[in-house]
Amino acid sequence: QVQLVESGGGLVQPGGSLRLSCAASGFTAGYDVIGWFRRAPGQEREGVSCIRSSDGTSYYSDSVKGRFTISRDKAKNTVYLQMNSLKAEDTAVYYCATDPEVVCYSDYIPPAADFGSWGQGTQVTVSS
């Protein structure tokens, strides 16, 4: 059974940085893609970034491009989301997710409904 555990959220001032981690366990062959989503209060879940572990292909939404960086450590089965230049509008609960059937391209992240396994989420609050 696949398990995902996020960590690294917290309170940060505008312009600050955080690094989120997504530790994965229980993977079998075929789980190649990890996605990061976020949900702000009253809003739909938004696909922020994804990475294809097999070759490192990654995607960023326009709202975070140039500020966020996704990476993976295969040895630790962990995917990271480095978030720099944070803005108030980045405030949300951040989730990582995976599914053996999803893809990740440089210009595409599947919708949240396509991901079958989710972490519990970690709160990110950007405020002065």
Protein backbone atom coordinates (compact mmCIF):
# COMPACT_ATOMS: atom_id res chain seq x y z
CA GLN A 1 0.00 0.00 0.00
CA VAL A 2 1.40 3.36 -1.06
CA GLN A 3 1.85 5.91 1.69
CA LEU A 4 2.81 9.55 1.25
CA VAL A 5 3.79 11.82 4.13
CA GLU A 6 4.30 15.56 3.63
CA SER A 7 6.32 17.77 5.93
CA GLY A 8 7.98 21.16 5.95
CA GLY A 9 5.03 23.51 6.02
CA GLY A 10 4.78 26.46 8.37
CA LEU A 11 4.42 30.19 8.72
CA VAL A 12 6.72 32.37 6.64
CA GLN A 13 6.86 36.04 5.76
CA PRO A 14 6.29 37.23 2.21
CA GLY A 15 9.47 36.80 0.22
CA GLY A 16 10.61 33.91 2.38
CA SER A 17 11.28 30.28 1.53
CA LEU A 18 10.15 26.85 2.59
CA ARG A 19 11.02 23.36 1.46
CA LEU A 20 8.29 20.75 1.49
CA SER A 21 9.09 17.05 1.56
CA CYS A 22 7.00 14.12 0.39
CA ALA A 23 8.26 10.81 1.75
CA ALA A 24 6.93 7.80 -0.11
CA SER A 25 6.72 4.17 0.89
CA GLY A 26 5.08 1.02 -0.36
CA PHE A 27 5.84 1.75 -4.00
CA THR A 28 5.78 -0.95 -6.60
CA ALA A 29 6.85 -0.73 -10.20
CA GLY A 30 4.84 1.84 -12.15
CA TYR A 31 4.65 4.65 -9.62
CA ASP A 32 6.74 7.09 -11.62
CA VAL A 33 5.00 10.41 -11.06
CA ILE A 34 4.65 12.52 -7.93
CA GLY A 35 2.49 15.62 -8.05
CA TRP A 36 2.16 18.56 -5.69
CA PHE A 37 -1.25 20.15 -5.30
CA ARG A 38 -2.54 22.90 -3.08
CA ARG A 39 -5.92 23.97 -1.82
CA ALA A 40 -6.52 27.46 -0.56
CA PRO A 41 -9.63 28.18 1.54
CA GLY A 42 -12.73 28.22 -0.62
CA GLN A 43 -10.85 27.22 -3.76
CA GLU A 44 -10.46 24.10 -5.84
CA ARG A 45 -7.37 21.94 -5.55
CA GLU A 46 -4.71 23.32 -7.89
CA GLY A 47 -1.95 21.32 -9.55
CA VAL A 48 1.29 23.14 -8.73
CA SER A 49 4.05 20.84 -9.91
CA CYS A 50 4.85 17.27 -10.83
CA ILE A 51 7.95 15.23 -11.55
CA ARG A 52 8.58 12.04 -13.44
CA SER A 53 11.11 10.10 -11.43
CA SER A 54 12.35 8.04 -14.36
CA ASP A 55 13.86 11.01 -16.21
CA GLY A 56 13.28 14.09 -14.07
CA THR A 57 10.74 15.72 -16.38
CA SER A 58 8.91 18.33 -14.38
CA TYR A 59 5.96 20.68 -14.67
CA TYR A 60 5.14 23.98 -12.96
CA SER A 61 1.95 25.94 -12.99
CA ASP A 62 2.18 29.52 -14.22
CA SER A 63 1.48 30.74 -10.71
CA VAL A 64 4.70 29.23 -9.31
CA LYS A 65 7.00 29.01 -12.32
CA GLY A 66 10.36 30.59 -11.59
CA ARG A 67 9.80 30.48 -7.81
CA PHE A 68 9.25 26.79 -7.01
CA THR A 69 11.56 23.88 -7.82
CA ILE A 70 10.65 20.22 -7.61
CA SER A 71 13.29 17.55 -7.14
CA ARG A 72 13.56 13.95 -6.07
CA ASP A 73 15.97 11.82 -4.09
CA LYS A 74 15.50 8.28 -5.34
CA ALA A 75 17.61 6.77 -2.57
CA LYS A 76 15.34 8.33 0.07
CA ASN A 77 12.10 7.89 -1.91
CA THR A 78 11.44 11.54 -1.26
CA VAL A 79 10.28 14.38 -3.48
CA TYR A 80 10.93 17.97 -2.49
CA LEU A 81 9.25 21.24 -3.38
CA GLN A 82 11.54 24.21 -2.80
CA MET A 83 9.40 27.33 -2.58
CA ASN A 84 11.11 30.72 -2.84
CA SER A 85 9.81 34.27 -3.04
CA LEU A 86 6.64 33.20 -1.33
CA LYS A 87 3.54 35.37 -1.64
CA ALA A 88 0.38 35.63 0.41
CA GLU A 89 -1.49 33.89 -2.39
CA ASP A 90 0.68 30.81 -1.91
CA THR A 91 -1.09 30.22 1.41
CA ALA A 92 -2.76 26.82 1.20
CA VAL A 93 -2.64 23.23 2.32
CA TYR A 94 -0.11 21.46 0.13
CA TYR A 95 -0.54 17.80 -0.79
CA CYS A 96 1.60 15.32 -2.67
CA ALA A 97 -0.04 12.60 -4.68
CA THR A 98 0.75 9.71 -6.97
CA ASP A 99 -0.87 7.10 -9.15
CA PRO A 100 0.55 4.45 -11.47
CA GLU A 101 -1.67 5.63 -14.35
CA VAL A 102 -0.81 9.34 -14.41
CA VAL A 103 1.72 11.14 -16.57
CA CYS A 104 3.71 14.30 -16.11
CA TYR A 105 4.94 16.45 -18.95
CA SER A 106 6.69 19.78 -18.96
CA ASP A 107 3.43 21.45 -19.99
CA TYR A 108 0.87 19.20 -18.31
CA ILE A 109 -0.19 17.88 -14.93
CA PRO A 110 -3.20 15.57 -14.73
CA PRO A 111 -6.21 16.72 -12.72
CA ALA A 112 -6.33 15.87 -9.03
CA ALA A 113 -9.10 13.33 -9.64
CA ASP A 114 -6.65 11.15 -11.58
CA PHE A 115 -4.37 10.66 -8.59
CA GLY A 116 -5.33 7.75 -6.35
CA SER A 117 -2.93 8.11 -3.43
CA TRP A 118 -2.60 11.25 -1.35
CA GLY A 119 -0.71 12.46 1.67
CA GLN A 120 -2.39 14.15 4.61
CA GLY A 121 -1.28 17.64 3.59
CA THR A 122 0.90 20.30 5.18
CA GLN A 123 -0.18 23.87 5.86
CA VAL A 124 1.77 26.74 4.33
CA THR A 125 0.90 30.23 5.55
CA VAL A 126 2.55 33.29 4.06
CA SER A 127 1.88 36.32 6.18
CA SER A 128 3.64 39.24 7.79
